[in-house]
Amino acid sequence: MKNYKIMIFNGLILVILGVYGYLMAEKQSLTAFIGPVIGIVLIILSVPTKNGKSVFAHIAVIITLLTVITFFIIGFQRNNPIVIISAVVSLICLMFYIADFVSRKN
């Protein structure tokens, strides 16, 4: 699968889960929109990535890695399944990014 498609998928999942988490929370907090903001950034970065600009794909990988680490830590600290699901989806997407980079090197 192409990196830009993975970026769009990951971005959409982060947006959907973030908005869902915000709407379903007992105490609504603007921090629920951290995931959707990251998702929108990934979707925006997918456009130049689709056009062959690999720098943007590398930026997306770094953002995704930081998202995975942060969301796992926060998700387990707060015992929040939505944040943990976001982290798992982002981790799977990160693996797909790396697999795509490796397959292009060979």
PDB file of N, CA and C in Angstrom:
ATOM      1  N   MET A   1       0.851  -1.180   0.000  1.00  0.00           N
ATOM      2  CA  MET A   1       0.000   0.000   0.000  1.00  0.00           C
ATOM      3  C   MET A   1       0.896   1.242   0.000  1.00  0.00           C
ATOM      4  N   LYS A   2       0.468   2.235  -0.700  1.00  0.00           N
ATOM      5  CA  LYS A   2       1.237   3.474  -0.801  1.00  0.00           C
ATOM      6  C   LYS A   2       1.168   4.266   0.504  1.00  0.00           C
ATOM      7  N   ASN A   3       2.249   4.972   0.797  1.00  0.00           N
ATOM      8  CA  ASN A   3       2.320   5.741   2.037  1.00  0.00           C
ATOM      9  C   ASN A   3       1.232   6.797   2.142  1.00  0.00           C
ATOM     10  N   TYR A   4       0.903   7.463   1.050  1.00  0.00           N
ATOM     11  CA  TYR A   4      -0.105   8.516   1.144  1.00  0.00           C
ATOM     12  C   TYR A   4      -1.472   7.953   1.504  1.00  0.00           C
ATOM     13  N   LYS A   5      -1.771   6.731   1.059  1.00  0.00           N
ATOM     14  CA  LYS A   5      -3.045   6.100   1.422  1.00  0.00           C
ATOM     15  C   LYS A   5      -3.064   5.736   2.909  1.00  0.00           C
ATOM     16  N   ILE A   6      -1.932   5.272   3.394  1.00  0.00           N
ATOM     17  CA  ILE A   6      -1.827   4.941   4.818  1.00  0.00           C
ATOM     18  C   ILE A   6      -1.986   6.216   5.648  1.00  0.00           C
ATOM     19  N   MET A   7      -1.388   7.313   5.189  1.00  0.00           N
ATOM     20  CA  MET A   7      -1.489   8.581   5.904  1.00  0.00           C
ATOM     21  C   MET A   7      -2.935   9.062   5.964  1.00  0.00           C
ATOM     22  N   ILE A   8      -3.648   8.932   4.855  1.00  0.00           N
ATOM     23  CA  ILE A   8      -5.051   9.349   4.834  1.00  0.00           C
ATOM     24  C   ILE A   8      -5.876   8.470   5.768  1.00  0.00           C
ATOM     25  N   PHE A   9      -5.657   7.159   5.713  1.00  0.00           N
ATOM     26  CA  PHE A   9      -6.387   6.238   6.588  1.00  0.00           C
ATOM     27  C   PHE A   9      -6.127   6.563   8.053  1.00  0.00           C
ATOM     28  N   ASN A  10      -4.868   6.695   8.420  1.00  0.00           N
ATOM     29  CA  ASN A  10      -4.505   7.000   9.805  1.00  0.00           C
ATOM     30  C   ASN A  10      -5.098   8.337  10.229  1.00  0.00           C
ATOM     31  N   GLY A  11      -5.010   9.326   9.359  1.00  0.00           N
ATOM     32  CA  GLY A  11      -5.571  10.642   9.661  1.00  0.00           C
ATOM     33  C   GLY A  11      -7.071  10.589   9.901  1.00  0.00           C
ATOM     34  N   LEU A  12      -7.785   9.865   9.046  1.00  0.00           N
ATOM     35  CA  LEU A  12      -9.240   9.754   9.214  1.00  0.00           C
ATOM     36  C   LEU A  12      -9.607   9.050  10.517  1.00  0.00           C
ATOM     37  N   ILE A  13      -8.879   7.992  10.844  1.00  0.00           N
ATOM     38  CA  ILE A  13      -9.145   7.273  12.098  1.00  0.00           C
ATOM     39  C   ILE A  13      -8.899   8.184  13.295  1.00  0.00           C
ATOM     40  N   LEU A  14      -7.810   8.941  13.265  1.00  0.00           N
ATOM     41  CA  LEU A  14      -7.522   9.847  14.379  1.00  0.00           C
ATOM     42  C   LEU A  14      -8.597  10.923  14.509  1.00  0.00           C
ATOM     43  N   VAL A  15      -9.067  11.449  13.390  1.00  0.00           N
ATOM     44  CA  VAL A  15     -10.128  12.457  13.434  1.00  0.00           C
ATOM     45  C   VAL A  15     -11.417  11.852  13.991  1.00  0.00           C
ATOM     46  N   ILE A  16     -11.813  10.706  13.469  1.00  0.00           N
ATOM     47  CA  ILE A  16     -13.067  10.079  13.896  1.00  0.00           C
ATOM     48  C   ILE A  16     -13.025   9.718  15.375  1.00  0.00           C
ATOM     49  N   LEU A  17     -11.945   9.063  15.812  1.00  0.00           N
ATOM     50  CA  LEU A  17     -11.854   8.660  17.218  1.00  0.00           C
ATOM     51  C   LEU A  17     -11.758   9.871  18.150  1.00  0.00           C
ATOM     52  N   GLY A  18     -11.063  10.915  17.734  1.00  0.00           N
ATOM     53  CA  GLY A  18     -10.951  12.112  18.568  1.00  0.00           C
ATOM     54  C   GLY A  18     -12.284  12.815  18.745  1.00  0.00           C
ATOM     55  N   VAL A  19     -13.019  12.969  17.653  1.00  0.00           N
ATOM     56  CA  VAL A  19     -14.335  13.610  17.738  1.00  0.00           C
ATOM     57  C   VAL A  19     -15.299  12.742  18.538  1.00  0.00           C
ATOM     58  N   TYR A  20     -15.254  11.435  18.312  1.00  0.00           N
ATOM     59  CA  TYR A  20     -16.098  10.508  19.075  1.00  0.00           C
ATOM     60  C   TYR A  20     -15.773  10.601  20.569  1.00  0.00           C
ATOM     61  N   GLY A  21     -14.491  10.596  20.899  1.00  0.00           N
ATOM     62  CA  GLY A  21     -14.075  10.702  22.300  1.00  0.00           C
ATOM     63  C   GLY A  21     -14.534  11.997  22.936  1.00  0.00           C
ATOM     64  N   TYR A  22     -14.472  13.074  22.191  1.00  0.00           N
ATOM     65  CA  TYR A  22     -14.920  14.370  22.709  1.00  0.00           C
ATOM     66  C   TYR A  22     -16.417  14.352  22.973  1.00  0.00           C
ATOM     67  N   LEU A  23     -17.184  13.827  22.032  1.00  0.00           N
ATOM     68  CA  LEU A  23     -18.640  13.829  22.167  1.00  0.00           C
ATOM     69  C   LEU A  23     -19.142  12.875  23.247  1.00  0.00           C
ATOM     70  N   MET A  24     -18.425  11.778  23.483  1.00  0.00           N
ATOM     71  CA  MET A  24     -18.877  10.774  24.440  1.00  0.00           C
ATOM     72  C   MET A  24     -18.328  10.983  25.853  1.00  0.00           C
ATOM     73  N   ALA A  25     -17.432  11.909  26.021  1.00  0.00           N
ATOM     74  CA  ALA A  25     -16.811  12.122  27.330  1.00  0.00           C
ATOM     75  C   ALA A  25     -17.794  12.774  28.299  1.00  0.00           C
ATOM     76  N   GLU A  26     -17.699  12.364  29.550  1.00  0.00           N
ATOM     77  CA  GLU A  26     -18.524  12.985  30.589  1.00  0.00           C
ATOM     78  C   GLU A  26     -18.118  14.442  30.770  1.00  0.00           C
ATOM     79  N   LYS A  27     -16.820  14.654  30.829  1.00  0.00           N
ATOM     80  CA  LYS A  27     -16.281  16.006  30.955  1.00  0.00           C
ATOM     81  C   LYS A  27     -15.519  16.301  29.662  1.00  0.00           C
ATOM     82  N   GLN A  28     -16.107  17.111  28.797  1.00  0.00           N
ATOM     83  CA  GLN A  28     -15.505  17.377  27.500  1.00  0.00           C
ATOM     84  C   GLN A  28     -14.308  18.319  27.654  1.00  0.00           C
ATOM     85  N   SER A  29     -13.221  17.939  26.999  1.00  0.00           N
ATOM     86  CA  SER A  29     -11.991  18.701  27.083  1.00  0.00           C
ATOM     87  C   SER A  29     -11.436  18.916  25.675  1.00  0.00           C
ATOM     88  N   LEU A  30     -10.851  20.061  25.467  1.00  0.00           N
ATOM     89  CA  LEU A  30     -10.279  20.356  24.152  1.00  0.00           C
ATOM     90  C   LEU A  30      -9.071  19.483  23.829  1.00  0.00           C
ATOM     91  N   THR A  31      -8.500  18.824  24.819  1.00  0.00           N
ATOM     92  CA  THR A  31      -7.372  17.933  24.545  1.00  0.00           C
ATOM     93  C   THR A  31      -7.801  16.732  23.712  1.00  0.00           C
ATOM     94  N   ALA A  32      -9.109  16.478  23.639  1.00  0.00           N
ATOM     95  CA  ALA A  32      -9.606  15.399  22.790  1.00  0.00           C
ATOM     96  C   ALA A  32      -9.340  15.689  21.320  1.00  0.00           C
ATOM     97  N   PHE A  33      -9.066  16.944  20.993  1.00  0.00           N
ATOM     98  CA  PHE A  33      -8.836  17.311  19.602  1.00  0.00           C
ATOM     99  C   PHE A  33      -7.359  17.241  19.203  1.00  0.00           C
ATOM    100  N   ILE A  34      -6.499  16.741  20.084  1.00  0.00           N
ATOM    101  CA  ILE A  34      -5.099  16.551  19.717  1.00  0.00           C
ATOM    102  C   ILE A  34      -4.995  15.520  18.601  1.00  0.00           C
ATOM    103  N   GLY A  35      -5.691  14.406  18.752  1.00  0.00           N
ATOM    104  CA  GLY A  35      -5.696  13.365  17.712  1.00  0.00           C
ATOM    105  C   GLY A  35      -6.223  13.865  16.381  1.00  0.00           C
ATOM    106  N   PRO A  36      -7.395  14.527  16.370  1.00  0.00           N
ATOM    107  CA  PRO A  36      -7.885  15.053  15.094  1.00  0.00           C
ATOM    108  C   PRO A  36      -6.957  16.072  14.433  1.00  0.00           C
ATOM    109  N   VAL A  37      -6.290  16.895  15.225  1.00  0.00           N
ATOM    110  CA  VAL A  37      -5.340  17.857  14.639  1.00  0.00           C
ATOM    111  C   VAL A  37      -4.179  17.104  13.983  1.00  0.00           C
ATOM    112  N   ILE A  38      -3.677  16.088  14.664  1.00  0.00           N
ATOM    113  CA  ILE A  38      -2.605  15.273  14.083  1.00  0.00           C
ATOM    114  C   ILE A  38      -3.120  14.583  12.820  1.00  0.00           C
ATOM    115  N   GLY A  39      -4.353  14.100  12.876  1.00  0.00           N
ATOM    116  CA  GLY A  39      -4.948  13.452  11.703  1.00  0.00           C
ATOM    117  C   GLY A  39      -5.051  14.390  10.520  1.00  0.00           C
ATOM    118  N   ILE A  40      -5.474  15.612  10.762  1.00  0.00           N
ATOM    119  CA  ILE A  40      -5.582  16.595   9.684  1.00  0.00           C
ATOM    120  C   ILE A  40      -4.202  16.914   9.108  1.00  0.00           C
ATOM    121  N   VAL A  41      -3.205  17.015   9.983  1.00  0.00           N
ATOM    122  CA  VAL A  41      -1.832  17.259   9.510  1.00  0.00           C
ATOM    123  C   VAL A  41      -1.377  16.105   8.615  1.00  0.00           C
ATOM    124  N   LEU A  42      -1.669  14.867   9.012  1.00  0.00           N
ATOM    125  CA  LEU A  42      -1.285  13.713   8.200  1.00  0.00           C
ATOM    126  C   LEU A  42      -1.994  13.727   6.846  1.00  0.00           C
ATOM    127  N   ILE A  43      -3.261  14.087   6.857  1.00  0.00           N
ATOM    128  CA  ILE A  43      -4.005  14.157   5.600  1.00  0.00           C
ATOM    129  C   ILE A  43      -3.412  15.235   4.697  1.00  0.00           C
ATOM    130  N   ILE A  44      -3.068  16.358   5.270  1.00  0.00           N
ATOM    131  CA  ILE A  44      -2.445  17.440   4.474  1.00  0.00           C
ATOM    132  C   ILE A  44      -1.085  16.985   3.928  1.00  0.00           C
ATOM    133  N   LEU A  45      -0.302  16.282   4.748  1.00  0.00           N
ATOM    134  CA  LEU A  45       1.008  15.799   4.303  1.00  0.00           C
ATOM    135  C   LEU A  45       0.895  14.718   3.229  1.00  0.00           C
ATOM    136  N   SER A  46      -0.262  14.066   3.136  1.00  0.00           N
ATOM    137  CA  SER A  46      -0.426  13.011   2.132  1.00  0.00           C
ATOM    138  C   SER A  46      -0.440  13.567   0.709  1.00  0.00           C
ATOM    139  N   VAL A  47      -0.837  14.825   0.546  1.00  0.00           N
ATOM    140  CA  VAL A  47      -0.911  15.411  -0.805  1.00  0.00           C
ATOM    141  C   VAL A  47       0.477  15.519  -1.444  1.00  0.00           C
ATOM    142  N   PRO A  48       1.456  16.166  -0.785  1.00  0.00           N
ATOM    143  CA  PRO A  48       2.787  16.196  -1.419  1.00  0.00           C
ATOM    144  C   PRO A  48       3.448  14.813  -1.465  1.00  0.00           C
ATOM    145  N   THR A  49       3.092  13.942  -0.522  1.00  0.00           N
ATOM    146  CA  THR A  49       3.648  12.587  -0.546  1.00  0.00           C
ATOM    147  C   THR A  49       3.163  11.847  -1.785  1.00  0.00           C
ATOM    148  N   LYS A  50       1.900  12.031  -2.120  1.00  0.00           N
ATOM    149  CA  LYS A  50       1.349  11.400  -3.327  1.00  0.00           C
ATOM    150  C   LYS A  50       2.073  11.899  -4.571  1.00  0.00           C
ATOM    151  N   ASN A  51       2.501  13.132  -4.555  1.00  0.00           N
ATOM    152  CA  ASN A  51       3.202  13.717  -5.697  1.00  0.00           C
ATOM    153  C   ASN A  51       4.689  13.375  -5.723  1.00  0.00           C
ATOM    154  N   GLY A  52       5.120  12.469  -4.845  1.00  0.00           N
ATOM    155  CA  GLY A  52       6.494  11.979  -4.889  1.00  0.00           C
ATOM    156  C   GLY A  52       7.495  12.709  -4.025  1.00  0.00           C
ATOM    157  N   LYS A  53       7.042  13.581  -3.162  1.00  0.00           N
ATOM    158  CA  LYS A  53       7.966  14.320  -2.296  1.00  0.00           C
ATOM    159  C   LYS A  53       8.159  13.525  -0.998  1.00  0.00           C
ATOM    160  N   SER A  54       9.251  12.785  -0.947  1.00  0.00           N
ATOM    161  CA  SER A  54       9.475  11.862   0.158  1.00  0.00           C
ATOM    162  C   SER A  54       9.771  12.552   1.480  1.00  0.00           C
ATOM    163  N   VAL A  55      10.198  13.800   1.457  1.00  0.00           N
ATOM    164  CA  VAL A  55      10.471  14.522   2.707  1.00  0.00           C
ATOM    165  C   VAL A  55       9.200  14.582   3.554  1.00  0.00           C
ATOM    166  N   PHE A  56       8.066  14.797   2.906  1.00  0.00           N
ATOM    167  CA  PHE A  56       6.809  14.885   3.632  1.00  0.00           C
ATOM    168  C   PHE A  56       6.404  13.526   4.203  1.00  0.00           C
ATOM    169  N   ALA A  57       6.741  12.458   3.505  1.00  0.00           N
ATOM    170  CA  ALA A  57       6.485  11.115   4.030  1.00  0.00           C
ATOM    171  C   ALA A  57       7.338  10.860   5.270  1.00  0.00           C
ATOM    172  N   HIS A  58       8.571  11.320   5.249  1.00  0.00           N
ATOM    173  CA  HIS A  58       9.438  11.152   6.412  1.00  0.00           C
ATOM    174  C   HIS A  58       8.934  11.977   7.603  1.00  0.00           C
ATOM    175  N   ILE A  59       8.446  13.166   7.332  1.00  0.00           N
ATOM    176  CA  ILE A  59       7.857  13.989   8.398  1.00  0.00           C
ATOM    177  C   ILE A  59       6.644  13.277   8.992  1.00  0.00           C
ATOM    178  N   ALA A  60       5.832  12.683   8.141  1.00  0.00           N
ATOM    179  CA  ALA A  60       4.651  11.956   8.616  1.00  0.00           C
ATOM    180  C   ALA A  60       5.043  10.757   9.478  1.00  0.00           C
ATOM    181  N   VAL A  61       6.122  10.086   9.114  1.00  0.00           N
ATOM    182  CA  VAL A  61       6.588   8.951   9.913  1.00  0.00           C
ATOM    183  C   VAL A  61       7.021   9.418  11.300  1.00  0.00           C
ATOM    184  N   ILE A  62       7.723  10.520  11.358  1.00  0.00           N
ATOM    185  CA  ILE A  62       8.166  11.057  12.659  1.00  0.00           C
ATOM    186  C   ILE A  62       6.963  11.470  13.496  1.00  0.00           C
ATOM    187  N   ILE A  63       5.996  12.142  12.878  1.00  0.00           N
ATOM    188  CA  ILE A  63       4.783  12.545  13.600  1.00  0.00           C
ATOM    189  C   ILE A  63       4.033  11.320  14.097  1.00  0.00           C
ATOM    190  N   THR A  64       3.946  10.298  13.255  1.00  0.00           N
ATOM    191  CA  THR A  64       3.239   9.074  13.651  1.00  0.00           C
ATOM    192  C   THR A  64       3.965   8.368  14.789  1.00  0.00           C
ATOM    193  N   LEU A  65       5.275   8.308  14.732  1.00  0.00           N
ATOM    194  CA  LEU A  65       6.052   7.683  15.816  1.00  0.00           C
ATOM    195  C   LEU A  65       5.821   8.411  17.135  1.00  0.00           C
ATOM    196  N   LEU A  66       5.888   9.736  17.099  1.00  0.00           N
ATOM    197  CA  LEU A  66       5.641  10.516  18.313  1.00  0.00           C
ATOM    198  C   LEU A  66       4.206  10.327  18.814  1.00  0.00           C
ATOM    199  N   THR A  67       3.273  10.220  17.878  1.00  0.00           N
ATOM    200  CA  THR A  67       1.871   9.986  18.244  1.00  0.00           C
ATOM    201  C   THR A  67       1.710   8.637  18.932  1.00  0.00           C
ATOM    202  N   VAL A  68       2.330   7.613  18.382  1.00  0.00           N
ATOM    203  CA  VAL A  68       2.239   6.272  18.973  1.00  0.00           C
ATOM    204  C   VAL A  68       2.771   6.281  20.399  1.00  0.00           C
ATOM    205  N   ILE A  69       3.953   6.823  20.584  1.00  0.00           N
ATOM    206  CA  ILE A  69       4.570   6.842  21.916  1.00  0.00           C
ATOM    207  C   ILE A  69       3.699   7.628  22.901  1.00  0.00           C
ATOM    208  N   THR A  70       3.297   8.817  22.496  1.00  0.00           N
ATOM    209  CA  THR A  70       2.518   9.686  23.380  1.00  0.00           C
ATOM    210  C   THR A  70       1.157   9.085  23.704  1.00  0.00           C
ATOM    211  N   PHE A  71       0.475   8.570  22.690  1.00  0.00           N
ATOM    212  CA  PHE A  71      -0.871   8.031  22.916  1.00  0.00           C
ATOM    213  C   PHE A  71      -0.839   6.768  23.767  1.00  0.00           C
ATOM    214  N   PHE A  72       0.193   5.931  23.608  1.00  0.00           N
ATOM    215  CA  PHE A  72       0.284   4.754  24.482  1.00  0.00           C
ATOM    216  C   PHE A  72       0.491   5.181  25.935  1.00  0.00           C
ATOM    217  N   ILE A  73       1.384   6.120  26.156  1.00  0.00           N
ATOM    218  CA  ILE A  73       1.650   6.574  27.525  1.00  0.00           C
ATOM    219  C   ILE A  73       0.397   7.191  28.136  1.00  0.00           C
ATOM    220  N   ILE A  74      -0.209   8.126  27.431  1.00  0.00           N
ATOM    221  CA  ILE A  74      -1.403   8.804  27.964  1.00  0.00           C
ATOM    222  C   ILE A  74      -2.576   7.841  28.078  1.00  0.00           C
ATOM    223  N   GLY A  75      -2.735   6.983  27.083  1.00  0.00           N
ATOM    224  CA  GLY A  75      -3.851   6.035  27.107  1.00  0.00           C
ATOM    225  C   GLY A  75      -3.799   5.104  28.301  1.00  0.00           C
ATOM    226  N   PHE A  76      -2.604   4.597  28.618  1.00  0.00           N
ATOM    227  CA  PHE A  76      -2.487   3.706  29.761  1.00  0.00           C
ATOM    228  C   PHE A  76      -2.540   4.457  31.088  1.00  0.00           C
ATOM    229  N   GLN A  77      -1.986   5.671  31.126  1.00  0.00           N
ATOM    230  CA  GLN A  77      -2.049   6.458  32.357  1.00  0.00           C
ATOM    231  C   GLN A  77      -3.485   6.806  32.722  1.00  0.00           C
ATOM    232  N   ARG A  78      -4.265   7.180  31.721  1.00  0.00           N
ATOM    233  CA  ARG A  78      -5.653   7.589  31.963  1.00  0.00           C
ATOM    234  C   ARG A  78      -6.646   6.454  31.792  1.00  0.00           C
ATOM    235  N   ASN A  79      -6.132   5.267  31.435  1.00  0.00           N
ATOM    236  CA  ASN A  79      -6.987   4.103  31.206  1.00  0.00           C
ATOM    237  C   ASN A  79      -8.092   4.446  30.199  1.00  0.00           C
ATOM    238  N   ASN A  80      -7.689   5.080  29.091  1.00  0.00           N
ATOM    239  CA  ASN A  80      -8.623   5.545  28.071  1.00  0.00           C
ATOM    240  C   ASN A  80      -8.524   4.648  26.837  1.00  0.00           C
ATOM    241  N   PRO A  81      -9.547   3.810  26.597  1.00  0.00           N
ATOM    242  CA  PRO A  81      -9.465   2.878  25.468  1.00  0.00           C
ATOM    243  C   PRO A  81      -9.445   3.558  24.097  1.00  0.00           C
ATOM    244  N   ILE A  82     -10.064   4.719  23.969  1.00  0.00           N
ATOM    245  CA  ILE A  82     -10.071   5.404  22.672  1.00  0.00           C
ATOM    246  C   ILE A  82      -8.661   5.869  22.307  1.00  0.00           C
ATOM    247  N   VAL A  83      -7.938   6.373  23.273  1.00  0.00           N
ATOM    248  CA  VAL A  83      -6.557   6.819  23.022  1.00  0.00           C
ATOM    249  C   VAL A  83      -5.668   5.604  22.726  1.00  0.00           C
ATOM    250  N   ILE A  84      -5.895   4.513  23.419  1.00  0.00           N
ATOM    251  CA  ILE A  84      -5.108   3.300  23.169  1.00  0.00           C
ATOM    252  C   ILE A  84      -5.402   2.754  21.773  1.00  0.00           C
ATOM    253  N   ILE A  85      -6.656   2.767  21.357  1.00  0.00           N
ATOM    254  CA  ILE A  85      -7.014   2.320  20.005  1.00  0.00           C
ATOM    255  C   ILE A  85      -6.337   3.219  18.966  1.00  0.00           C
ATOM    256  N   SER A  86      -6.339   4.518  19.213  1.00  0.00           N
ATOM    257  CA  SER A  86      -5.653   5.446  18.300  1.00  0.00           C
ATOM    258  C   SER A  86      -4.167   5.114  18.210  1.00  0.00           C
ATOM    259  N   ALA A  87      -3.569   4.776  19.338  1.00  0.00           N
ATOM    260  CA  ALA A  87      -2.146   4.426  19.355  1.00  0.00           C
ATOM    261  C   ALA A  87      -1.892   3.131  18.589  1.00  0.00           C
ATOM    262  N   VAL A  88      -2.766   2.147  18.762  1.00  0.00           N
ATOM    263  CA  VAL A  88      -2.597   0.862  18.070  1.00  0.00           C
ATOM    264  C   VAL A  88      -2.732   1.048  16.556  1.00  0.00           C
ATOM    265  N   VAL A  89      -3.751   1.790  16.126  1.00  0.00           N
ATOM    266  CA  VAL A  89      -3.933   2.043  14.691  1.00  0.00           C
ATOM    267  C   VAL A  89      -2.726   2.788  14.133  1.00  0.00           C
ATOM    268  N   SER A  90      -2.243   3.779  14.858  1.00  0.00           N
ATOM    269  CA  SER A  90      -1.070   4.530  14.400  1.00  0.00           C
ATOM    270  C   SER A  90       0.177   3.641  14.354  1.00  0.00           C
ATOM    271  N   LEU A  91       0.302   2.716  15.306  1.00  0.00           N
ATOM    272  CA  LEU A  91       1.438   1.791  15.302  1.00  0.00           C
ATOM    273  C   LEU A  91       1.382   0.877  14.078  1.00  0.00           C
ATOM    274  N   ILE A  92       0.207   0.386  13.766  1.00  0.00           N
ATOM    275  CA  ILE A  92       0.053  -0.468  12.582  1.00  0.00           C
ATOM    276  C   ILE A  92       0.392   0.331  11.321  1.00  0.00           C
ATOM    277  N   CYS A  93      -0.078   1.565  11.252  1.00  0.00           N
ATOM    278  CA  CYS A  93       0.248   2.414  10.103  1.00  0.00           C
ATOM    279  C   CYS A  93       1.745   2.684  10.030  1.00  0.00           C
ATOM    280  N   LEU A  94       2.379   2.869  11.169  1.00  0.00           N
ATOM    281  CA  LEU A  94       3.830   3.077  11.214  1.00  0.00           C
ATOM    282  C   LEU A  94       4.554   1.869  10.634  1.00  0.00           C
ATOM    283  N   MET A  95       4.085   0.678  10.961  1.00  0.00           N
ATOM    284  CA  MET A  95       4.695  -0.540  10.408  1.00  0.00           C
ATOM    285  C   MET A  95       4.523  -0.593   8.887  1.00  0.00           C
ATOM    286  N   PHE A  96       3.347  -0.172   8.408  1.00  0.00           N
ATOM    287  CA  PHE A  96       3.128  -0.129   6.965  1.00  0.00           C
ATOM    288  C   PHE A  96       4.032   0.905   6.293  1.00  0.00           C
ATOM    289  N   TYR A  97       4.250   2.058   6.942  1.00  0.00           N
ATOM    290  CA  TYR A  97       5.178   3.058   6.401  1.00  0.00           C
ATOM    291  C   TYR A  97       6.553   2.447   6.220  1.00  0.00           C
ATOM    292  N   ILE A  98       7.024   1.802   7.270  1.00  0.00           N
ATOM    293  CA  ILE A  98       8.366   1.228   7.246  1.00  0.00           C
ATOM    294  C   ILE A  98       8.455   0.130   6.197  1.00  0.00           C
ATOM    295  N   ALA A  99       7.425  -0.709   6.102  1.00  0.00           N
ATOM    296  CA  ALA A  99       7.419  -1.774   5.097  1.00  0.00           C
ATOM    297  C   ALA A  99       7.467  -1.194   3.690  1.00  0.00           C
ATOM    298  N   ASP A 100       6.757  -0.092   3.462  1.00  0.00           N
ATOM    299  CA  ASP A 100       6.778   0.542   2.140  1.00  0.00           C
ATOM    300  C   ASP A 100       8.159   1.115   1.833  1.00  0.00           C
ATOM    301  N   PHE A 101       8.791   1.755   2.827  1.00  0.00           N
ATOM    302  CA  PHE A 101      10.135   2.286   2.621  1.00  0.00           C
ATOM    303  C   PHE A 101      11.112   1.162   2.301  1.00  0.00           C
ATOM    304  N   VAL A 102      11.024   0.052   3.029  1.00  0.00           N
ATOM    305  CA  VAL A 102      11.931  -1.074   2.817  1.00  0.00           C
ATOM    306  C   VAL A 102      11.708  -1.692   1.438  1.00  0.00           C
ATOM    307  N   SER A 103      10.442  -1.839   1.040  1.00  0.00           N
ATOM    308  CA  SER A 103      10.169  -2.447  -0.266  1.00  0.00           C
ATOM    309  C   SER A 103      10.660  -1.578  -1.413  1.00  0.00           C
ATOM    310  N   ARG A 104      10.669  -0.274  -1.245  1.00  0.00           N
ATOM    311  CA  ARG A 104      11.175   0.612  -2.298  1.00  0.00           C
ATOM    312  C   ARG A 104      12.696   0.598  -2.362  1.00  0.00           C
ATOM    313  N   LYS A 105      13.339   0.276  -1.240  1.00  0.00           N
ATOM    314  CA  LYS A 105      14.809   0.207  -1.222  1.00  0.00           C
ATOM    315  C   LYS A 105      15.316  -1.042  -1.959  1.00  0.00           C
ATOM    316  N   ASN A 106      14.489  -2.095  -1.971  1.00  0.00           N
ATOM    317  CA  ASN A 106      14.913  -3.360  -2.602  1.00  0.00           C
ATOM    318  C   ASN A 106      14.563  -3.420  -4.059  1.00  0.00           C
TER     319      ASN A 106
END
